[in-house]
Amino acid sequence: MKDGRIVGKHKGRENFTIGQRKGLGIAWKNPLYVISIEDDGSVILGEENETYNESFSVIDLNFQGLAPLNEGESLECRVQVRYRHIPIRCKITKMKEGLIVHPLEDVRGVTPGQSAVFYPLDSDYLLLGGIISKGSIQMRVAEPAISVLN
């Protein structure tokens, strides 16, 4: 648990993905989801309302159909964070080392190391892409209700 409580054991963090619900091997009053996978091997679990992302950072930017943004410049567009995920509206702000992305619609399962792809609001023309940065994801709920599988 976020408070240090261990609620179970697992056979390796490589067996989990952010947003996973099935196959956790934990009985709980409400369905649980993987909301974080830590460097120490801990897998943080939470309830559905704890899976939504408030913001995240994207690095290694590759501008395609958009001139590079200046630091501090913002743009409203759409972002896709998973395969087969329908792009959602977001506001991006250029930072020194990448972008801060603020989803304007509910999004969950944002995973470090995965691609984020950006499109205009009114078309599927590619604007830019990048990699979701590790440690940059801000959850809508600050403290998960339960947490750790070691």
N, C-alpha and C. Protein backbone atom coordinates (compact mmCIF):
# COMPACT_ATOMS: atom_id res chain seq x y z
N MET A 1 0.84 -1.17 0.00
CA MET A 1 0.00 0.00 0.00
C MET A 1 0.89 1.23 0.00
N LYS A 2 0.31 2.35 -0.40
CA LYS A 2 1.09 3.59 -0.43
C LYS A 2 1.60 3.90 0.97
N ASP A 3 0.87 3.43 1.97
CA ASP A 3 1.31 3.61 3.35
C ASP A 3 2.31 2.54 3.77
N GLY A 4 2.78 1.73 2.82
CA GLY A 4 3.77 0.70 3.11
C GLY A 4 3.19 -0.69 3.29
N ARG A 5 1.89 -0.81 3.31
CA ARG A 5 1.23 -2.09 3.50
C ARG A 5 1.39 -2.96 2.26
N ILE A 6 1.85 -4.17 2.44
CA ILE A 6 1.99 -5.13 1.34
C ILE A 6 0.73 -5.99 1.31
N VAL A 7 0.09 -6.04 0.15
CA VAL A 7 -1.17 -6.79 0.04
C VAL A 7 -1.01 -8.08 -0.74
N GLY A 8 0.20 -8.37 -1.19
CA GLY A 8 0.42 -9.61 -1.92
C GLY A 8 1.81 -9.68 -2.50
N LYS A 9 2.12 -10.81 -3.11
CA LYS A 9 3.42 -11.05 -3.75
C LYS A 9 3.19 -11.26 -5.24
N HIS A 10 4.24 -11.00 -6.03
CA HIS A 10 4.14 -11.25 -7.47
C HIS A 10 5.44 -11.85 -7.98
N LYS A 11 5.42 -12.31 -9.22
CA LYS A 11 6.57 -13.01 -9.80
C LYS A 11 7.35 -12.14 -10.78
N GLY A 12 7.29 -10.84 -10.62
CA GLY A 12 8.06 -9.95 -11.48
C GLY A 12 7.22 -8.84 -12.08
N ARG A 13 7.73 -7.63 -11.99
CA ARG A 13 6.98 -6.47 -12.48
C ARG A 13 6.75 -6.50 -13.98
N GLU A 14 7.58 -7.30 -14.69
CA GLU A 14 7.41 -7.41 -16.14
C GLU A 14 6.09 -8.09 -16.51
N ASN A 15 5.41 -8.67 -15.54
CA ASN A 15 4.13 -9.35 -15.78
C ASN A 15 2.93 -8.41 -15.68
N PHE A 16 3.19 -7.10 -15.49
CA PHE A 16 2.11 -6.14 -15.30
C PHE A 16 2.22 -4.99 -16.28
N THR A 17 1.07 -4.38 -16.57
CA THR A 17 1.04 -3.17 -17.38
C THR A 17 0.16 -2.14 -16.67
N ILE A 18 0.47 -0.87 -16.90
CA ILE A 18 -0.34 0.20 -16.33
C ILE A 18 -1.77 0.06 -16.84
N GLY A 19 -2.73 0.15 -15.93
CA GLY A 19 -4.14 0.03 -16.30
C GLY A 19 -4.68 -1.39 -16.23
N GLN A 20 -3.80 -2.37 -16.03
CA GLN A 20 -4.23 -3.77 -15.98
C GLN A 20 -5.20 -3.99 -14.84
N ARG A 21 -6.25 -4.77 -15.10
CA ARG A 21 -7.23 -5.12 -14.08
C ARG A 21 -7.28 -6.62 -13.85
N LYS A 22 -7.17 -7.39 -14.90
CA LYS A 22 -7.31 -8.85 -14.81
C LYS A 22 -6.00 -9.49 -14.36
N GLY A 23 -6.12 -10.61 -13.66
CA GLY A 23 -4.96 -11.42 -13.31
C GLY A 23 -4.08 -10.87 -12.21
N LEU A 24 -4.61 -10.01 -11.36
CA LEU A 24 -3.80 -9.44 -10.28
C LEU A 24 -3.68 -10.40 -9.09
N GLY A 25 -4.63 -11.31 -8.95
CA GLY A 25 -4.58 -12.28 -7.86
C GLY A 25 -4.89 -11.68 -6.50
N ILE A 26 -5.62 -10.58 -6.47
CA ILE A 26 -5.98 -9.92 -5.22
C ILE A 26 -7.50 -9.81 -5.15
N ALA A 27 -8.07 -10.29 -4.05
CA ALA A 27 -9.51 -10.13 -3.83
C ALA A 27 -9.70 -8.85 -3.02
N TRP A 28 -10.53 -7.97 -3.51
CA TRP A 28 -10.76 -6.69 -2.85
C TRP A 28 -12.22 -6.33 -3.02
N LYS A 29 -12.74 -5.45 -2.20
CA LYS A 29 -14.16 -5.11 -2.27
C LYS A 29 -14.55 -4.48 -3.61
N ASN A 30 -13.62 -3.77 -4.25
CA ASN A 30 -13.85 -3.17 -5.56
C ASN A 30 -12.75 -3.63 -6.51
N PRO A 31 -13.00 -3.60 -7.83
CA PRO A 31 -11.94 -3.98 -8.77
C PRO A 31 -10.70 -3.10 -8.59
N LEU A 32 -9.53 -3.73 -8.73
CA LEU A 32 -8.27 -3.00 -8.61
C LEU A 32 -7.57 -2.94 -9.97
N TYR A 33 -6.77 -1.90 -10.13
CA TYR A 33 -6.02 -1.67 -11.36
C TYR A 33 -4.58 -1.36 -11.01
N VAL A 34 -3.66 -1.67 -11.92
CA VAL A 34 -2.27 -1.27 -11.75
C VAL A 34 -2.19 0.21 -12.10
N ILE A 35 -1.74 1.03 -11.15
CA ILE A 35 -1.62 2.46 -11.43
C ILE A 35 -0.17 2.91 -11.52
N SER A 36 0.76 2.07 -11.04
CA SER A 36 2.17 2.42 -11.14
C SER A 36 3.02 1.17 -10.95
N ILE A 37 4.15 1.15 -11.63
CA ILE A 37 5.14 0.08 -11.46
C ILE A 37 6.44 0.77 -11.09
N GLU A 38 6.92 0.52 -9.88
CA GLU A 38 8.06 1.24 -9.33
C GLU A 38 9.39 0.58 -9.70
N ASP A 39 10.47 1.36 -9.62
CA ASP A 39 11.81 0.85 -9.92
C ASP A 39 12.23 -0.28 -8.99
N ASP A 40 11.72 -0.27 -7.74
CA ASP A 40 12.11 -1.31 -6.77
C ASP A 40 11.33 -2.61 -6.97
N GLY A 41 10.46 -2.65 -7.99
CA GLY A 41 9.68 -3.86 -8.27
C GLY A 41 8.28 -3.83 -7.70
N SER A 42 7.96 -2.84 -6.88
CA SER A 42 6.62 -2.73 -6.32
C SER A 42 5.62 -2.38 -7.41
N VAL A 43 4.45 -2.97 -7.31
CA VAL A 43 3.36 -2.69 -8.23
C VAL A 43 2.27 -2.01 -7.41
N ILE A 44 1.95 -0.76 -7.76
CA ILE A 44 0.98 0.02 -7.00
C ILE A 44 -0.40 -0.19 -7.61
N LEU A 45 -1.35 -0.56 -6.75
CA LEU A 45 -2.73 -0.82 -7.18
C LEU A 45 -3.65 0.26 -6.65
N GLY A 46 -4.74 0.50 -7.35
CA GLY A 46 -5.74 1.45 -6.91
C GLY A 46 -7.08 1.12 -7.54
N GLU A 47 -8.11 1.80 -7.07
CA GLU A 47 -9.44 1.62 -7.61
C GLU A 47 -9.59 2.46 -8.88
N GLU A 48 -10.69 2.25 -9.61
CA GLU A 48 -10.86 2.87 -10.93
C GLU A 48 -10.67 4.38 -10.90
N ASN A 49 -11.21 5.07 -9.90
CA ASN A 49 -11.09 6.53 -9.86
C ASN A 49 -9.65 6.99 -9.68
N GLU A 50 -8.76 6.08 -9.34
CA GLU A 50 -7.35 6.42 -9.14
C GLU A 50 -6.50 6.18 -10.38
N THR A 51 -7.13 5.77 -11.47
CA THR A 51 -6.38 5.43 -12.68
C THR A 51 -6.29 6.58 -13.67
N TYR A 52 -7.01 7.67 -13.43
CA TYR A 52 -7.03 8.78 -14.38
C TYR A 52 -5.82 9.69 -14.20
N ASN A 53 -5.32 10.20 -15.32
CA ASN A 53 -4.12 11.02 -15.31
C ASN A 53 -4.45 12.50 -15.44
N GLU A 54 -3.84 13.30 -14.57
CA GLU A 54 -4.01 14.75 -14.57
C GLU A 54 -3.09 15.41 -15.59
N SER A 55 -1.85 14.94 -15.65
CA SER A 55 -0.88 15.48 -16.61
C SER A 55 0.28 14.50 -16.75
N PHE A 56 1.06 14.69 -17.81
CA PHE A 56 2.26 13.88 -18.01
C PHE A 56 3.20 14.64 -18.94
N SER A 57 4.46 14.23 -18.95
CA SER A 57 5.47 14.86 -19.79
C SER A 57 5.83 13.96 -20.95
N VAL A 58 6.21 14.59 -22.05
CA VAL A 58 6.64 13.87 -23.24
C VAL A 58 8.00 14.43 -23.65
N ILE A 59 8.95 13.54 -23.91
CA ILE A 59 10.31 13.93 -24.30
C ILE A 59 10.64 13.35 -25.67
N ASP A 60 11.85 13.61 -26.14
CA ASP A 60 12.31 13.10 -27.44
C ASP A 60 11.30 13.45 -28.54
N LEU A 61 10.97 14.73 -28.61
CA LEU A 61 9.93 15.20 -29.54
C LEU A 61 10.38 15.09 -30.98
N ASN A 62 9.41 14.76 -31.83
CA ASN A 62 9.65 14.68 -33.27
C ASN A 62 8.51 15.45 -33.95
N PHE A 63 8.81 16.70 -34.32
CA PHE A 63 7.81 17.55 -34.97
C PHE A 63 7.66 17.13 -36.42
N GLN A 64 6.42 16.93 -36.87
CA GLN A 64 6.14 16.50 -38.24
C GLN A 64 5.38 17.58 -39.00
N GLY A 65 4.13 17.77 -38.66
CA GLY A 65 3.28 18.73 -39.37
C GLY A 65 3.13 20.03 -38.62
N LEU A 66 4.05 20.32 -37.72
CA LEU A 66 3.98 21.50 -36.87
C LEU A 66 5.39 22.02 -36.68
N ALA A 67 5.56 23.33 -36.83
CA ALA A 67 6.86 23.92 -36.55
C ALA A 67 7.14 23.77 -35.06
N PRO A 68 8.40 23.54 -34.66
CA PRO A 68 8.71 23.39 -33.24
C PRO A 68 8.19 24.57 -32.41
N LEU A 69 7.61 24.24 -31.28
CA LEU A 69 7.10 25.26 -30.37
C LEU A 69 8.24 25.89 -29.59
N ASN A 70 8.06 27.15 -29.22
CA ASN A 70 9.02 27.83 -28.35
C ASN A 70 8.69 27.50 -26.90
N GLU A 71 9.69 27.54 -26.04
CA GLU A 71 9.49 27.27 -24.62
C GLU A 71 8.40 28.18 -24.07
N GLY A 72 7.43 27.59 -23.35
CA GLY A 72 6.31 28.32 -22.78
C GLY A 72 5.11 28.44 -23.70
N GLU A 73 5.27 28.14 -24.97
CA GLU A 73 4.17 28.21 -25.93
C GLU A 73 3.22 27.04 -25.73
N SER A 74 1.91 27.30 -25.86
CA SER A 74 0.89 26.27 -25.66
C SER A 74 0.06 26.09 -26.91
N LEU A 75 -0.59 24.93 -26.98
CA LEU A 75 -1.42 24.59 -28.13
C LEU A 75 -2.47 23.59 -27.67
N GLU A 76 -3.70 23.77 -28.14
CA GLU A 76 -4.73 22.76 -27.89
C GLU A 76 -4.78 21.83 -29.09
N CYS A 77 -4.77 20.53 -28.84
CA CYS A 77 -4.77 19.53 -29.91
C CYS A 77 -5.37 18.24 -29.36
N ARG A 78 -5.07 17.11 -29.99
CA ARG A 78 -5.52 15.80 -29.50
C ARG A 78 -4.30 14.91 -29.32
N VAL A 79 -4.36 14.02 -28.33
CA VAL A 79 -3.26 13.10 -28.05
C VAL A 79 -3.78 11.66 -28.02
N GLN A 80 -2.97 10.76 -28.55
CA GLN A 80 -3.23 9.32 -28.48
C GLN A 80 -2.08 8.71 -27.69
N VAL A 81 -2.40 7.95 -26.62
CA VAL A 81 -1.36 7.40 -25.74
C VAL A 81 -1.27 5.88 -25.76
N ARG A 82 -2.17 5.23 -26.48
CA ARG A 82 -2.13 3.77 -26.59
C ARG A 82 -2.60 3.36 -27.98
N TYR A 83 -2.18 2.20 -28.40
CA TYR A 83 -2.66 1.63 -29.66
C TYR A 83 -4.17 1.47 -29.58
N ARG A 84 -4.84 1.85 -30.62
CA ARG A 84 -6.30 1.78 -30.71
C ARG A 84 -7.02 2.72 -29.74
N HIS A 85 -6.30 3.57 -29.06
CA HIS A 85 -6.89 4.58 -28.19
C HIS A 85 -7.41 5.71 -29.06
N ILE A 86 -8.62 6.15 -28.85
CA ILE A 86 -9.15 7.28 -29.61
C ILE A 86 -8.49 8.55 -29.08
N PRO A 87 -7.87 9.34 -29.95
CA PRO A 87 -7.22 10.57 -29.47
C PRO A 87 -8.20 11.47 -28.72
N ILE A 88 -7.71 12.06 -27.64
CA ILE A 88 -8.54 12.95 -26.81
C ILE A 88 -7.96 14.36 -26.84
N ARG A 89 -8.82 15.33 -26.56
CA ARG A 89 -8.38 16.72 -26.51
C ARG A 89 -7.41 16.93 -25.35
N CYS A 90 -6.43 17.79 -25.59
CA CYS A 90 -5.45 18.12 -24.56
C CYS A 90 -4.89 19.50 -24.82
N LYS A 91 -4.21 20.02 -23.82
CA LYS A 91 -3.44 21.26 -23.98
C LYS A 91 -1.99 20.89 -23.73
N ILE A 92 -1.12 21.24 -24.68
CA ILE A 92 0.30 20.97 -24.51
C ILE A 92 1.04 22.28 -24.30
N THR A 93 2.07 22.25 -23.48
CA THR A 93 2.92 23.41 -23.25
C THR A 93 4.36 22.96 -23.42
N LYS A 94 5.10 23.68 -24.26
CA LYS A 94 6.51 23.36 -24.51
C LYS A 94 7.34 23.77 -23.31
N MET A 95 8.13 22.85 -22.83
CA MET A 95 9.08 23.10 -21.75
C MET A 95 10.48 22.97 -22.33
N LYS A 96 11.47 23.25 -21.54
CA LYS A 96 12.86 23.18 -22.02
C LYS A 96 13.19 21.80 -22.58
N GLU A 97 12.78 20.75 -21.88
CA GLU A 97 13.14 19.38 -22.26
C GLU A 97 12.00 18.56 -22.83
N GLY A 98 10.94 19.18 -23.28
CA GLY A 98 9.83 18.41 -23.84
C GLY A 98 8.52 19.15 -23.72
N LEU A 99 7.45 18.40 -23.49
CA LEU A 99 6.11 18.97 -23.36
C LEU A 99 5.48 18.54 -22.05
N ILE A 100 4.62 19.39 -21.50
CA ILE A 100 3.69 18.99 -20.44
C ILE A 100 2.34 18.85 -21.12
N VAL A 101 1.68 17.74 -20.90
CA VAL A 101 0.39 17.46 -21.52
C VAL A 101 -0.68 17.46 -20.43
N HIS A 102 -1.71 18.28 -20.63
CA HIS A 102 -2.86 18.32 -19.72
C HIS A 102 -4.08 17.83 -20.49
N PRO A 103 -4.50 16.58 -20.25
CA PRO A 103 -5.68 16.06 -20.94
C PRO A 103 -6.92 16.88 -20.58
N LEU A 104 -7.74 17.17 -21.56
CA LEU A 104 -8.99 17.90 -21.34
C LEU A 104 -10.18 16.95 -21.29
N GLU A 105 -9.90 15.67 -21.42
CA GLU A 105 -10.89 14.60 -21.29
C GLU A 105 -10.25 13.51 -20.43
N ASP A 106 -11.07 12.61 -19.92
CA ASP A 106 -10.54 11.52 -19.09
C ASP A 106 -9.59 10.65 -19.89
N VAL A 107 -8.44 10.35 -19.28
CA VAL A 107 -7.48 9.42 -19.87
C VAL A 107 -6.83 8.64 -18.74
N ARG A 108 -6.62 7.36 -18.98
CA ARG A 108 -5.92 6.55 -18.00
C ARG A 108 -5.00 5.58 -18.74
N GLY A 109 -4.11 4.97 -17.99
CA GLY A 109 -3.19 4.03 -18.61
C GLY A 109 -2.02 4.69 -19.31
N VAL A 110 -1.72 5.94 -18.95
CA VAL A 110 -0.56 6.61 -19.52
C VAL A 110 0.68 5.92 -18.95
N THR A 111 1.55 5.42 -19.84
CA THR A 111 2.65 4.56 -19.42
C THR A 111 3.99 5.11 -19.88
N PRO A 112 4.94 5.30 -18.94
CA PRO A 112 6.28 5.77 -19.32
C PRO A 112 6.92 4.83 -20.34
N GLY A 113 7.61 5.43 -21.31
CA GLY A 113 8.28 4.66 -22.33
C GLY A 113 7.44 4.42 -23.57
N GLN A 114 6.14 4.65 -23.46
CA GLN A 114 5.24 4.49 -24.61
C GLN A 114 5.19 5.79 -25.41
N SER A 115 4.73 5.69 -26.62
CA SER A 115 4.61 6.87 -27.48
C SER A 115 3.36 7.68 -27.15
N ALA A 116 3.48 8.98 -27.34
CA ALA A 116 2.34 9.90 -27.34
C ALA A 116 2.36 10.57 -28.70
N VAL A 117 1.23 10.53 -29.40
CA VAL A 117 1.14 11.06 -30.75
C VAL A 117 0.07 12.14 -30.76
N PHE A 118 0.39 13.29 -31.37
CA PHE A 118 -0.48 14.46 -31.32
C PHE A 118 -1.03 14.80 -32.70
N TYR A 119 -2.33 15.16 -32.71
CA TYR A 119 -3.06 15.50 -33.93
C TYR A 119 -3.79 16.83 -33.74
N PRO A 120 -4.10 17.53 -34.85
CA PRO A 120 -4.95 18.73 -34.74
C PRO A 120 -6.33 18.34 -34.21
N LEU A 121 -7.07 19.34 -33.75
CA LEU A 121 -8.42 19.09 -33.25
C LEU A 121 -9.36 18.59 -34.34
N ASP A 122 -9.11 19.01 -35.58
CA ASP A 122 -10.08 18.77 -36.64
C ASP A 122 -9.63 17.82 -37.75
N SER A 123 -8.50 17.12 -37.55
CA SER A 123 -8.07 16.17 -38.59
C SER A 123 -7.16 15.10 -37.99
N ASP A 124 -6.80 14.14 -38.81
CA ASP A 124 -5.89 13.07 -38.38
C ASP A 124 -4.49 13.29 -38.92
N TYR A 125 -4.17 14.51 -39.28
CA TYR A 125 -2.85 14.87 -39.78
C TYR A 125 -1.88 14.93 -38.60
N LEU A 126 -0.78 14.22 -38.68
CA LEU A 126 0.18 14.13 -37.58
C LEU A 126 0.87 15.47 -37.33
N LEU A 127 0.86 15.94 -36.08
CA LEU A 127 1.57 17.15 -35.69
C LEU A 127 2.96 16.84 -35.15
N LEU A 128 3.01 15.95 -34.17
CA LEU A 128 4.26 15.57 -33.54
C LEU A 128 4.07 14.33 -32.70
N GLY A 129 5.17 13.78 -32.27
CA GLY A 129 5.15 12.61 -31.40
C GLY A 129 6.31 12.68 -30.43
N GLY A 130 6.29 11.81 -29.45
CA GLY A 130 7.36 11.74 -28.48
C GLY A 130 7.14 10.56 -27.55
N ILE A 131 8.00 10.47 -26.55
CA ILE A 131 7.97 9.36 -25.59
C ILE A 131 7.50 9.88 -24.24
N ILE A 132 6.56 9.17 -23.62
CA ILE A 132 6.07 9.54 -22.30
C ILE A 132 7.20 9.34 -21.30
N SER A 133 7.50 10.39 -20.56
CA SER A 133 8.64 10.41 -19.65
C SER A 133 8.34 9.69 -18.34
N LYS A 134 9.32 8.93 -17.88
CA LYS A 134 9.20 8.23 -16.60
C LYS A 134 9.17 9.25 -15.46
N GLY A 135 8.32 9.01 -14.49
CA GLY A 135 8.26 9.88 -13.32
C GLY A 135 7.52 11.18 -13.56
N SER A 136 6.90 11.33 -14.73
CA SER A 136 6.26 12.60 -15.05
C SER A 136 4.74 12.55 -14.94
N ILE A 137 4.20 11.42 -14.60
CA ILE A 137 2.75 11.24 -14.66
C ILE A 137 2.12 11.67 -13.34
N GLN A 138 1.19 12.62 -13.42
CA GLN A 138 0.47 13.08 -12.24
C GLN A 138 -0.93 12.49 -12.27
N MET A 139 -1.25 11.73 -11.22
CA MET A 139 -2.55 11.10 -11.14
C MET A 139 -3.57 12.11 -10.63
N ARG A 140 -4.83 11.92 -10.99
CA ARG A 140 -5.90 12.80 -10.52
C ARG A 140 -6.09 12.66 -9.01
N VAL A 141 -5.94 11.45 -8.48
CA VAL A 141 -6.04 11.19 -7.04
C VAL A 141 -4.62 11.05 -6.52
N ALA A 142 -4.26 11.86 -5.54
CA ALA A 142 -2.87 11.92 -5.08
C ALA A 142 -2.39 10.66 -4.37
N GLU A 143 -3.20 10.07 -3.52
CA GLU A 143 -2.79 8.91 -2.73
C GLU A 143 -3.69 7.72 -3.01
N PRO A 144 -3.16 6.66 -3.61
CA PRO A 144 -3.98 5.48 -3.86
C PRO A 144 -4.53 4.88 -2.57
N ALA A 145 -5.69 4.26 -2.68
CA ALA A 145 -6.32 3.65 -1.51
C ALA A 145 -5.56 2.44 -1.02
N ILE A 146 -5.01 1.65 -1.93
CA ILE A 146 -4.23 0.48 -1.55
C ILE A 146 -3.06 0.40 -2.49
N SER A 147 -2.08 -0.45 -2.17
CA SER A 147 -1.08 -0.43 -3.17
C SER A 147 -0.19 -1.60 -3.43
N VAL A 148 0.66 -2.05 -2.63
CA VAL A 148 1.85 -2.75 -3.11
C VAL A 148 1.71 -4.25 -3.22
N LEU A 149 2.17 -4.73 -4.37
CA LEU A 149 2.48 -6.15 -4.55
C LEU A 149 4.00 -6.17 -4.65
N ASN A 150 4.67 -6.96 -3.86
CA ASN A 150 6.14 -7.07 -3.93
C ASN A 150 6.55 -8.38 -4.54
